PDB file of N, CA and C in Angstrom:
ATOM      1  N   MET A   1       0.731  -1.457  -0.087  1.00  0.00           N
ATOM      2  CA  MET A   1      -0.124  -0.216   0.034  1.00  0.00           C
ATOM      3  C   MET A   1       1.123   1.027   0.334  1.00  0.00           C
ATOM      4  N   SER A   2       0.528   2.520  -1.103  1.00  0.00           N
ATOM      5  CA  SER A   2       1.238   3.813  -1.229  1.00  0.00           C
ATOM      6  C   SER A   2       1.002   4.634   0.129  1.00  0.00           C
ATOM      7  N   LEU A   3       2.019   5.348   0.432  1.00  0.00           N
ATOM      8  CA  LEU A   3       2.341   6.211   1.111  1.00  0.00           C
ATOM      9  C   LEU A   3       0.521   7.048   0.768  1.00  0.00           C
ATOM     10  N   PHE A   4       0.574   7.619   0.101  1.00  0.00           N
ATOM     11  CA  PHE A   4      -0.696   8.526  -0.352  1.00  0.00           C
ATOM     12  C   PHE A   4      -2.075   7.594  -0.060  1.00  0.00           C
ATOM     13  N   SER A   5      -2.587   5.980  -0.423  1.00  0.00           N
ATOM     14  CA  SER A   5      -3.131   5.335  -0.329  1.00  0.00           C
ATOM     15  C   SER A   5      -4.383   5.383   1.363  1.00  0.00           C
ATOM     16  N   LYS A   6      -2.358   5.672   2.080  1.00  0.00           N
ATOM     17  CA  LYS A   6      -2.920   5.418   3.448  1.00  0.00           C
ATOM     18  C   LYS A   6      -3.478   6.881   3.668  1.00  0.00           C
ATOM     19  N   LEU A   7      -2.993   8.385   3.255  1.00  0.00           N
ATOM     20  CA  LEU A   7      -3.345   8.741   3.223  1.00  0.00           C
ATOM     21  C   LEU A   7      -4.132   9.258   3.701  1.00  0.00           C
ATOM     22  N   ILE A   8      -4.763   9.202   1.962  1.00  0.00           N
ATOM     23  CA  ILE A   8      -6.270   9.933   1.610  1.00  0.00           C
ATOM     24  C   ILE A   8      -7.029   8.901   0.144  1.00  0.00           C
ATOM     25  N   THR A   9      -8.245   8.601   0.748  1.00  0.00           N
ATOM     26  CA  THR A   9      -9.024   8.198  -0.013  1.00  0.00           C
ATOM     27  C   THR A   9      -9.345   8.753  -1.498  1.00  0.00           C
ATOM     28  N   PRO A  10     -10.056   8.496  -2.191  1.00  0.00           N
ATOM     29  CA  PRO A  10     -10.185   8.853  -3.772  1.00  0.00           C
ATOM     30  C   PRO A  10     -11.404  10.041  -2.964  1.00  0.00           C
ATOM     31  N   ALA A  11     -12.168   9.406  -2.218  1.00  0.00           N
ATOM     32  CA  ALA A  11     -13.326  10.431  -1.991  1.00  0.00           C
ATOM     33  C   ALA A  11     -13.215  11.338  -0.771  1.00  0.00           C
ATOM     34  N   GLN A  12     -12.317  11.318  -0.188  1.00  0.00           N
ATOM     35  CA  GLN A  12     -11.553  12.247   0.631  1.00  0.00           C
ATOM     36  C   GLN A  12     -11.256  13.304   0.092  1.00  0.00           C
ATOM     37  N   LEU A  13     -10.572  13.016  -0.720  1.00  0.00           N
ATOM     38  CA  LEU A  13     -10.159  13.392  -2.432  1.00  0.00           C
ATOM     39  C   LEU A  13     -11.089  14.343  -2.659  1.00  0.00           C
ATOM     40  N   GLN A  14     -12.127  13.390  -3.201  1.00  0.00           N
ATOM     41  CA  GLN A  14     -13.455  14.685  -3.661  1.00  0.00           C
ATOM     42  C   GLN A  14     -13.832  15.812  -2.830  1.00  0.00           C
ATOM     43  N   ASN A  15     -13.895  15.328  -2.012  1.00  0.00           N
ATOM     44  CA  ASN A  15     -14.646  16.351  -0.494  1.00  0.00           C
ATOM     45  C   ASN A  15     -13.076  17.787  -0.695  1.00  0.00           C
ATOM     46  N   LEU A  16     -12.201  17.401  -0.730  1.00  0.00           N
ATOM     47  CA  LEU A  16     -11.270  18.389  -0.816  1.00  0.00           C
ATOM     48  C   LEU A  16     -10.966  19.297  -1.656  1.00  0.00           C
ATOM     49  N   ALA A  17     -11.207  18.466  -2.724  1.00  0.00           N
ATOM     50  CA  ALA A  17     -11.458  19.000  -4.316  1.00  0.00           C
ATOM     51  C   ALA A  17     -12.373  20.009  -4.926  1.00  0.00           C
ATOM     52  N   GLY A  18     -13.603  19.092  -4.077  1.00  0.00           N
ATOM     53  CA  GLY A  18     -15.237  19.723  -4.143  1.00  0.00           C
ATOM     54  C   GLY A  18     -15.402  18.058  -5.961  1.00  0.00           C
ATOM     55  N   ASP A  19     -16.739  18.540  -6.126  1.00  0.00           N
ATOM     56  CA  ASP A  19     -16.730  17.750  -7.402  1.00  0.00           C
ATOM     57  C   ASP A  19     -17.250  18.193  -8.668  1.00  0.00           C
ATOM     58  N   ARG A  20     -16.743  19.197  -8.779  1.00  0.00           N
ATOM     59  CA  ARG A  20     -16.510  20.191 -10.452  1.00  0.00           C
ATOM     60  C   ARG A  20     -14.883  19.112 -10.690  1.00  0.00           C
ATOM     61  N   SER A  21     -14.093  19.962  -9.685  1.00  0.00           N
ATOM     62  CA  SER A  21     -12.431  19.806  -9.314  1.00  0.00           C
ATOM     63  C   SER A  21     -12.468  18.383  -9.534  1.00  0.00           C
ATOM     64  N   TYR A  22     -12.691  17.612  -8.534  1.00  0.00           N
ATOM     65  CA  TYR A  22     -12.713  16.116  -8.919  1.00  0.00           C
ATOM     66  C   TYR A  22     -13.154  15.691 -10.425  1.00  0.00           C
ATOM     67  N   GLU A  23     -14.536  16.235 -10.613  1.00  0.00           N
ATOM     68  CA  GLU A  23     -14.766  14.897 -11.690  1.00  0.00           C
ATOM     69  C   GLU A  23     -14.030  15.980 -13.449  1.00  0.00           C
ATOM     70  N   ARG A  24     -13.702  16.933 -13.408  1.00  0.00           N
ATOM     71  CA  ARG A  24     -12.599  17.622 -14.354  1.00  0.00           C
ATOM     72  C   ARG A  24     -11.579  16.582 -13.856  1.00  0.00           C
ATOM     73  N   GLY A  25     -10.590  16.602 -13.433  1.00  0.00           N
ATOM     74  CA  GLY A  25      -9.588  15.903 -13.407  1.00  0.00           C
ATOM     75  C   GLY A  25      -9.808  14.527 -14.134  1.00  0.00           C
ATOM     76  N   GLU A  26     -10.859  13.782 -12.973  1.00  0.00           N
ATOM     77  CA  GLU A  26     -11.132  12.529 -13.957  1.00  0.00           C
ATOM     78  C   GLU A  26     -10.900  12.010 -15.222  1.00  0.00           C
ATOM     79  N   ALA A  27     -12.212  13.223 -16.150  1.00  0.00           N
ATOM     80  CA  ALA A  27     -12.019  13.011 -17.709  1.00  0.00           C
ATOM     81  C   ALA A  27     -10.910  13.595 -17.744  1.00  0.00           C
ATOM     82  N   TYR A  28     -10.339  14.468 -17.496  1.00  0.00           N
ATOM     83  CA  TYR A  28      -8.745  14.668 -18.033  1.00  0.00           C
ATOM     84  C   TYR A  28      -7.896  13.148 -18.225  1.00  0.00           C
ATOM     85  N   PHE A  29      -8.121  12.798 -16.875  1.00  0.00           N
ATOM     86  CA  PHE A  29      -7.492  11.395 -16.930  1.00  0.00           C
ATOM     87  C   PHE A  29      -7.739  10.277 -17.958  1.00  0.00           C
ATOM     88  N   ARG A  30      -9.215   9.817 -17.848  1.00  0.00           N
ATOM     89  CA  ARG A  30      -9.620   9.340 -18.763  1.00  0.00           C
ATOM     90  C   ARG A  30      -9.323   9.700 -20.609  1.00  0.00           C
ATOM     91  N   GLN A  31      -9.354  10.920 -20.635  1.00  0.00           N
ATOM     92  CA  GLN A  31      -9.030  11.628 -21.735  1.00  0.00           C
ATOM     93  C   GLN A  31      -7.627  11.769 -22.373  1.00  0.00           C
ATOM     94  N   GLY A  32      -6.557  10.737 -21.423  1.00  0.00           N
ATOM     95  CA  GLY A  32      -5.256  11.056 -21.971  1.00  0.00           C
ATOM     96  C   GLY A  32      -4.461  12.241 -21.980  1.00  0.00           C
ATOM     97  N   HIS A  33      -4.918  13.238 -20.867  1.00  0.00           N
ATOM     98  CA  HIS A  33      -4.847  14.367 -20.799  1.00  0.00           C
ATOM     99  C   HIS A  33      -3.518  13.902 -19.237  1.00  0.00           C
ATOM    100  N   VAL A  34      -3.767  13.324 -19.015  1.00  0.00           N
ATOM    101  CA  VAL A  34      -2.606  12.954 -17.854  1.00  0.00           C
ATOM    102  C   VAL A  34      -1.028  11.662 -18.296  1.00  0.00           C
ATOM    103  N   GLN A  35      -0.293  12.726 -18.068  1.00  0.00           N
ATOM    104  CA  GLN A  35       0.931  11.466 -19.107  1.00  0.00           C
ATOM    105  C   GLN A  35       2.058  11.766 -17.882  1.00  0.00           C
ATOM    106  N   SER A  36       2.984  10.924 -17.673  1.00  0.00           N
ATOM    107  CA  SER A  36       4.639  10.643 -17.422  1.00  0.00           C
ATOM    108  C   SER A  36       3.621  10.492 -15.803  1.00  0.00           C
ATOM    109  N   LEU A  37       2.831  10.165 -15.098  1.00  0.00           N
ATOM    110  CA  LEU A  37       2.086   9.883 -13.674  1.00  0.00           C
ATOM    111  C   LEU A  37       2.881   8.652 -12.868  1.00  0.00           C
ATOM    112  N   MET A  38       3.544   9.461 -12.125  1.00  0.00           N
ATOM    113  CA  MET A  38       4.617   8.369 -11.454  1.00  0.00           C
ATOM    114  C   MET A  38       4.408   8.561 -10.019  1.00  0.00           C
ATOM    115  N   GLU A  39       4.680   7.678  -8.568  1.00  0.00           N
ATOM    116  CA  GLU A  39       4.917   7.927  -7.272  1.00  0.00           C
ATOM    117  C   GLU A  39       6.202   7.111  -6.785  1.00  0.00           C
ATOM    118  N   SER A  40       6.229   8.541  -5.970  1.00  0.00           N
ATOM    119  CA  SER A  40       7.644   7.248  -5.590  1.00  0.00           C
ATOM    120  C   SER A  40       8.040   8.597  -4.405  1.00  0.00           C
ATOM    121  N   GLY A  41       7.983   7.307  -3.529  1.00  0.00           N
ATOM    122  CA  GLY A  41       8.355   7.760  -2.232  1.00  0.00           C
ATOM    123  C   GLY A  41       7.510   8.176  -1.434  1.00  0.00           C
ATOM    124  N   ASP A  42       7.284   9.974  -1.104  1.00  0.00           N
ATOM    125  CA  ASP A  42       5.986  10.356  -0.510  1.00  0.00           C
ATOM    126  C   ASP A  42       5.435  11.734  -1.434  1.00  0.00           C
ATOM    127  N   GLU A  43       5.601  11.459  -2.789  1.00  0.00           N
ATOM    128  CA  GLU A  43       5.147  12.289  -3.745  1.00  0.00           C
ATOM    129  C   GLU A  43       4.725  11.304  -5.063  1.00  0.00           C
ATOM    130  N   ILE A  44       3.616  12.872  -5.511  1.00  0.00           N
ATOM    131  CA  ILE A  44       2.910  12.019  -7.190  1.00  0.00           C
ATOM    132  C   ILE A  44       3.071  13.515  -7.675  1.00  0.00           C
ATOM    133  N   THR A  45       3.746  12.805  -9.123  1.00  0.00           N
ATOM    134  CA  THR A  45       3.715  13.518 -10.297  1.00  0.00           C
ATOM    135  C   THR A  45       2.946  13.153 -11.560  1.00  0.00           C
ATOM    136  N   ALA A  46       2.746  14.410 -11.902  1.00  0.00           N
ATOM    137  CA  ALA A  46       2.109  13.642 -13.490  1.00  0.00           C
ATOM    138  C   ALA A  46       2.281  15.361 -14.099  1.00  0.00           C
ATOM    139  N   THR A  47       2.308  15.493 -15.734  1.00  0.00           N
ATOM    140  CA  THR A  47       2.669  16.258 -16.174  1.00  0.00           C
ATOM    141  C   THR A  47       0.710  16.194 -16.764  1.00  0.00           C
ATOM    142  N   VAL A  48       0.328  17.629 -17.152  1.00  0.00           N
ATOM    143  CA  VAL A  48      -1.100  17.602 -17.229  1.00  0.00           C
ATOM    144  C   VAL A  48      -1.043  18.270 -18.393  1.00  0.00           C
ATOM    145  N   VAL A  49      -1.677  17.226 -20.318  1.00  0.00           N
ATOM    146  CA  VAL A  49      -1.715  18.680 -21.562  1.00  0.00           C
ATOM    147  C   VAL A  49      -3.496  18.820 -21.689  1.00  0.00           C
ATOM    148  N   GLY A  50      -3.339  20.270 -20.957  1.00  0.00           N
ATOM    149  CA  GLY A  50      -4.570  20.775 -21.287  1.00  0.00           C
ATOM    150  C   GLY A  50      -4.409  21.866 -22.541  1.00  0.00           C
ATOM    151  N   THR A  51      -5.085  23.154 -22.452  1.00  0.00           N
ATOM    152  CA  THR A  51      -4.501  24.165 -23.407  1.00  0.00           C
ATOM    153  C   THR A  51      -2.869  24.143 -23.455  1.00  0.00           C
ATOM    154  N   GLU A  52      -1.891  23.993 -22.822  1.00  0.00           N
ATOM    155  CA  GLU A  52      -0.913  23.985 -21.931  1.00  0.00           C
ATOM    156  C   GLU A  52      -0.732  23.153 -21.433  1.00  0.00           C
ATOM    157  N   PRO A  53       0.454  22.522 -21.528  1.00  0.00           N
ATOM    158  CA  PRO A  53       0.817  21.793 -20.545  1.00  0.00           C
ATOM    159  C   PRO A  53       1.327  22.282 -19.095  1.00  0.00           C
ATOM    160  N   TYR A  54       1.172  21.834 -18.393  1.00  0.00           N
ATOM    161  CA  TYR A  54       1.726  21.916 -16.545  1.00  0.00           C
ATOM    162  C   TYR A  54       1.843  20.701 -15.633  1.00  0.00           C
ATOM    163  N   GLU A  55       2.399  21.120 -15.206  1.00  0.00           N
ATOM    164  CA  GLU A  55       3.836  19.557 -14.354  1.00  0.00           C
ATOM    165  C   GLU A  55       2.648  20.059 -12.944  1.00  0.00           C
ATOM    166  N   VAL A  56       1.992  19.246 -11.742  1.00  0.00           N
ATOM    167  CA  VAL A  56       1.500  18.823 -10.441  1.00  0.00           C
ATOM    168  C   VAL A  56       2.055  18.031 -10.083  1.00  0.00           C
ATOM    169  N   MET A  57       2.107  18.179  -8.825  1.00  0.00           N
ATOM    170  CA  MET A  57       2.450  17.112  -7.869  1.00  0.00           C
ATOM    171  C   MET A  57       1.868  17.157  -6.589  1.00  0.00           C
ATOM    172  N   LEU A  58       2.715  16.320  -6.006  1.00  0.00           N
ATOM    173  CA  LEU A  58       1.288  15.908  -5.017  1.00  0.00           C
ATOM    174  C   LEU A  58       2.772  15.185  -4.180  1.00  0.00           C
ATOM    175  N   ARG A  59       2.116  16.105  -2.439  1.00  0.00           N
ATOM    176  CA  ARG A  59       3.391  15.309  -1.385  1.00  0.00           C
ATOM    177  C   ARG A  59       2.429  15.333  -0.642  1.00  0.00           C
ATOM    178  N   ALA A  60       3.120  13.635  -0.201  1.00  0.00           N
ATOM    179  CA  ALA A  60       1.972  13.857   1.528  1.00  0.00           C
ATOM    180  C   ALA A  60       3.795  14.354   2.727  1.00  0.00           C
ATOM    181  N   GLU A  61       3.481  15.514   2.879  1.00  0.00           N
ATOM    182  CA  GLU A  61       3.959  15.611   4.742  1.00  0.00           C
ATOM    183  C   GLU A  61       3.551  15.921   6.047  1.00  0.00           C
ATOM    184  N   SER A  62       3.483  14.585   6.674  1.00  0.00           N
ATOM    185  CA  SER A  62       2.887  14.532   8.054  1.00  0.00           C
ATOM    186  C   SER A  62       2.033  13.409   7.961  1.00  0.00           C
ATOM    187  N   ARG A  63       0.323  14.539   8.011  1.00  0.00           N
ATOM    188  CA  ARG A  63      -1.037  13.912   7.932  1.00  0.00           C
ATOM    189  C   ARG A  63      -1.215  15.262   7.054  1.00  0.00           C
ATOM    190  N   LYS A  64      -0.782  16.085   5.744  1.00  0.00           N
ATOM    191  CA  LYS A  64      -1.334  17.138   5.413  1.00  0.00           C
ATOM    192  C   LYS A  64      -1.054  16.922   3.932  1.00  0.00           C
ATOM    193  N   LEU A  65      -1.452  17.186   3.140  1.00  0.00           N
ATOM    194  CA  LEU A  65      -1.414  16.159   1.374  1.00  0.00           C
ATOM    195  C   LEU A  65      -0.883  18.243   1.056  1.00  0.00           C
ATOM    196  N   GLY A  66       0.851  17.810   0.146  1.00  0.00           N
ATOM    197  CA  GLY A  66       0.873  19.299  -0.072  1.00  0.00           C
ATOM    198  C   GLY A  66       0.576  19.470  -2.201  1.00  0.00           C
ATOM    199  N   LEU A  67       0.544  19.815  -2.864  1.00  0.00           N
ATOM    200  CA  LEU A  67      -0.110  20.736  -4.057  1.00  0.00           C
ATOM    201  C   LEU A  67       0.564  21.583  -4.388  1.00  0.00           C
ATOM    202  N   SER A  68       1.173  21.233  -5.793  1.00  0.00           N
ATOM    203  CA  SER A  68       2.317  22.052  -6.376  1.00  0.00           C
ATOM    204  C   SER A  68       1.904  22.252  -7.614  1.00  0.00           C
ATOM    205  N   VAL A  69       1.213  23.148  -8.538  1.00  0.00           N
ATOM    206  CA  VAL A  69       1.375  23.475  -9.567  1.00  0.00           C
ATOM    207  C   VAL A  69       1.846  23.736 -10.806  1.00  0.00           C
ATOM    208  N   THR A  70       2.871  23.419 -11.540  1.00  0.00           N
ATOM    209  CA  THR A  70       3.598  24.817 -12.654  1.00  0.00           C
ATOM    210  C   THR A  70       3.086  24.866 -13.524  1.00  0.00           C
ATOM    211  N   VAL A  71       3.171  26.106 -13.773  1.00  0.00           N
ATOM    212  CA  VAL A  71       2.362  26.436 -15.177  1.00  0.00           C
ATOM    213  C   VAL A  71       3.443  27.231 -15.883  1.00  0.00           C
ATOM    214  N   ARG A  72       3.189  27.968 -17.224  1.00  0.00           N
ATOM    215  CA  ARG A  72       4.665  28.882 -17.499  1.00  0.00           C
ATOM    216  C   ARG A  72       4.838  29.801 -16.822  1.00  0.00           C
ATOM    217  N   LEU A  73       3.297  30.249 -16.516  1.00  0.00           N
ATOM    218  CA  LEU A  73       3.977  32.083 -15.817  1.00  0.00           C
ATOM    219  C   LEU A  73       4.611  31.287 -14.358  1.00  0.00           C
ATOM    220  N   GLY A  74       4.357  29.863 -13.724  1.00  0.00           N
ATOM    221  CA  GLY A  74       4.898  30.270 -11.843  1.00  0.00           C
ATOM    222  C   GLY A  74       4.206  28.782 -11.596  1.00  0.00           C
ATOM    223  N   TRP A  75       3.447  28.667  -9.948  1.00  0.00           N
ATOM    224  CA  TRP A  75       3.534  28.225  -9.828  1.00  0.00           C
ATOM    225  C   TRP A  75       2.454  28.699  -8.125  1.00  0.00           C
ATOM    226  N   MET A  76       1.690  28.134  -7.578  1.00  0.00           N
ATOM    227  CA  MET A  76       0.762  27.625  -6.975  1.00  0.00           C
ATOM    228  C   MET A  76       0.821  26.932  -5.887  1.00  0.00           C
ATOM    229  N   ALA A  77       0.924  27.337  -4.367  1.00  0.00           N
ATOM    230  CA  ALA A  77       1.210  25.768  -3.927  1.00  0.00           C
ATOM    231  C   ALA A  77      -0.288  26.481  -2.332  1.00  0.00           C
ATOM    232  N   THR A  78      -0.834  25.296  -2.282  1.00  0.00           N
ATOM    233  CA  THR A  78      -2.348  24.623  -0.917  1.00  0.00           C
ATOM    234  C   THR A  78      -1.406  23.360  -0.531  1.00  0.00           C
ATOM    235  N   PHE A  79      -1.920  23.607   0.633  1.00  0.00           N
ATOM    236  CA  PHE A  79      -0.999  22.144   1.895  1.00  0.00           C
ATOM    237  C   PHE A  79      -3.154  22.205   2.726  1.00  0.00           C
ATOM    238  N   VAL A  80      -3.535  20.932   2.647  1.00  0.00           N
ATOM    239  CA  VAL A  80      -4.520  20.630   2.555  1.00  0.00           C
ATOM    240  C   VAL A  80      -4.427  19.601   3.882  1.00  0.00           C
ATOM    241  N   ASN A  81      -5.336  20.401   4.892  1.00  0.00           N
ATOM    242  CA  ASN A  81      -5.027  18.555   6.471  1.00  0.00           C
ATOM    243  C   ASN A  81      -5.941  18.171   5.483  1.00  0.00           C
ATOM    244  N   THR A  82      -5.591  16.556   6.517  1.00  0.00           N
ATOM    245  CA  THR A  82      -6.320  15.292   5.791  1.00  0.00           C
ATOM    246  C   THR A  82      -6.607  14.604   6.827  1.00  0.00           C
ATOM    247  N   ALA A  83      -6.424  15.308   7.846  1.00  0.00           N
ATOM    248  CA  ALA A  83      -6.669  15.135   9.289  1.00  0.00           C
ATOM    249  C   ALA A  83      -8.271  14.629  10.291  1.00  0.00           C
TER     250      ALA A  83
END
């Protein structure tokens, strides 16, 4: 079992992301827009190809889930408490 599956379930992720964002993410995945998906240790990384490609990284940090999205103009980060 991976660190992420111990930290968060799909239902919890949907609750944290909201229905619209979660469903859009699932649709992107099903349609092949999520590429280079890799899990390594405490993080998951992927390239997402929308209008422009961007990098996404989820990182497990103790009882928190960190999110980093890198786009052409910069990055943003959010930390979500999953306790």
